[in-house]
Amino acid sequence: MHQVLNVQGMTCGHCERAVTEAVKTVDPQATVKIDLATGIVEIDSTQPRAALANAITEEGYIVQAEKVAADAKCGGCGGKCSCG
């Protein structure tokens, strides 16, 4: 399942690795794409959003409670699916 999280506090490659490793502790098969400039973390994983967000939070980062608004890359669901 494709999920998008808005993570605050990431500023460098170390942060990117820490968030990726946190996700991988929950789902070793997950794929993680991070945009440091926007704080957007895209995850393809079979694990629930809450478990992934909790792992990132335990690393010291803030995962915004609300979902990220859907954009043109999304199917245009308006944030009603797991990607938005």
Protein backbone atom coordinates (compact mmCIF):
# COMPACT_ATOMS: atom_id res chain seq x y z
CA MET A 1 0.00 0.00 0.00
CA HIS A 2 1.34 3.42 -0.95
CA GLN A 3 1.33 5.87 1.93
CA VAL A 4 2.46 9.48 2.21
CA LEU A 5 3.53 11.01 5.52
CA ASN A 6 4.51 14.58 6.32
CA VAL A 7 7.52 14.36 8.64
CA GLN A 8 8.98 17.40 10.35
CA GLY A 9 12.56 17.72 11.57
CA MET A 10 14.45 16.04 8.72
CA THR A 11 17.32 18.22 7.55
CA CYS A 12 20.09 16.02 6.14
CA GLY A 13 21.21 12.65 4.85
CA HIS A 14 21.52 11.33 8.40
CA CYS A 15 17.86 12.14 9.02
CA GLU A 16 16.92 10.47 5.76
CA ARG A 17 18.78 7.30 6.76
CA ALA A 18 17.29 7.32 10.27
CA VAL A 19 13.72 7.59 8.94
CA THR A 20 14.35 4.91 6.31
CA GLU A 21 15.83 2.55 8.91
CA ALA A 22 12.90 3.21 11.26
CA VAL A 23 10.45 2.22 8.54
CA LYS A 24 12.54 -0.86 7.71
CA THR A 25 12.33 -2.04 11.34
CA VAL A 26 8.56 -2.28 10.88
CA ASP A 27 8.67 -3.63 7.32
CA PRO A 28 12.06 -4.76 5.96
CA GLN A 29 10.54 -5.04 2.46
CA ALA A 30 9.23 -1.45 2.41
CA THR A 31 10.41 1.04 -0.17
CA VAL A 32 10.97 4.57 1.11
CA LYS A 33 11.33 7.79 -0.86
CA ILE A 34 12.08 11.00 1.04
CA ASP A 35 11.99 14.62 -0.09
CA LEU A 36 13.91 16.55 2.57
CA ALA A 37 12.86 19.94 1.22
CA THR A 38 9.15 19.26 1.69
CA GLY A 39 9.28 16.69 4.51
CA ILE A 40 7.29 14.23 2.41
CA VAL A 41 8.00 10.55 3.02
CA GLU A 42 6.46 8.13 0.53
CA ILE A 43 6.31 4.53 1.69
CA ASP A 44 5.22 1.38 -0.09
CA SER A 45 4.52 -1.12 2.69
CA THR A 46 2.03 -3.73 3.81
CA GLN A 47 2.12 -2.32 7.35
CA PRO A 48 -0.49 0.11 8.71
CA ARG A 49 0.13 3.84 8.62
CA ALA A 50 0.08 4.09 12.42
CA ALA A 51 2.88 1.53 12.83
CA LEU A 52 5.08 3.32 10.31
CA ALA A 53 4.39 6.75 11.83
CA ASN A 54 5.10 5.43 15.32
CA ALA A 55 8.49 4.04 14.25
CA ILE A 56 9.44 7.42 12.75
CA THR A 57 8.24 9.24 15.88
CA GLU A 58 10.36 6.97 18.06
CA GLU A 59 13.40 8.22 16.11
CA GLY A 60 12.60 11.75 17.26
CA TYR A 61 10.77 13.15 14.24
CA ILE A 62 7.28 14.63 14.17
CA VAL A 63 4.74 12.97 11.91
CA GLN A 64 1.86 15.34 11.28
CA ALA A 65 -1.46 13.88 12.38
CA GLU A 66 -3.37 14.99 9.31
CA LYS A 67 -2.79 13.40 5.96
CA VAL A 68 -1.05 15.26 3.18
CA ALA A 69 -3.42 16.77 0.63
CA ALA A 70 -3.66 14.78 -2.57
CA ASP A 71 -1.85 16.22 -5.56
CA ALA A 72 -1.59 15.59 -9.29
CA LYS A 73 0.56 12.46 -8.77
CA CYS A 74 -2.30 10.95 -6.82
CA GLY A 75 -5.42 9.68 -8.48
CA GLY A 76 -7.21 12.85 -7.44
CA CYS A 77 -9.15 11.21 -4.63
CA GLY A 78 -8.99 14.36 -2.50
CA GLY A 79 -7.15 12.63 0.33
CA LYS A 80 -9.66 9.81 0.78
CA CYS A 81 -7.21 6.99 0.11
CA SER A 82 -4.05 5.97 1.96
CA CYS A 83 -1.79 7.99 -0.35
CA GLY A 84 -3.31 11.30 0.62
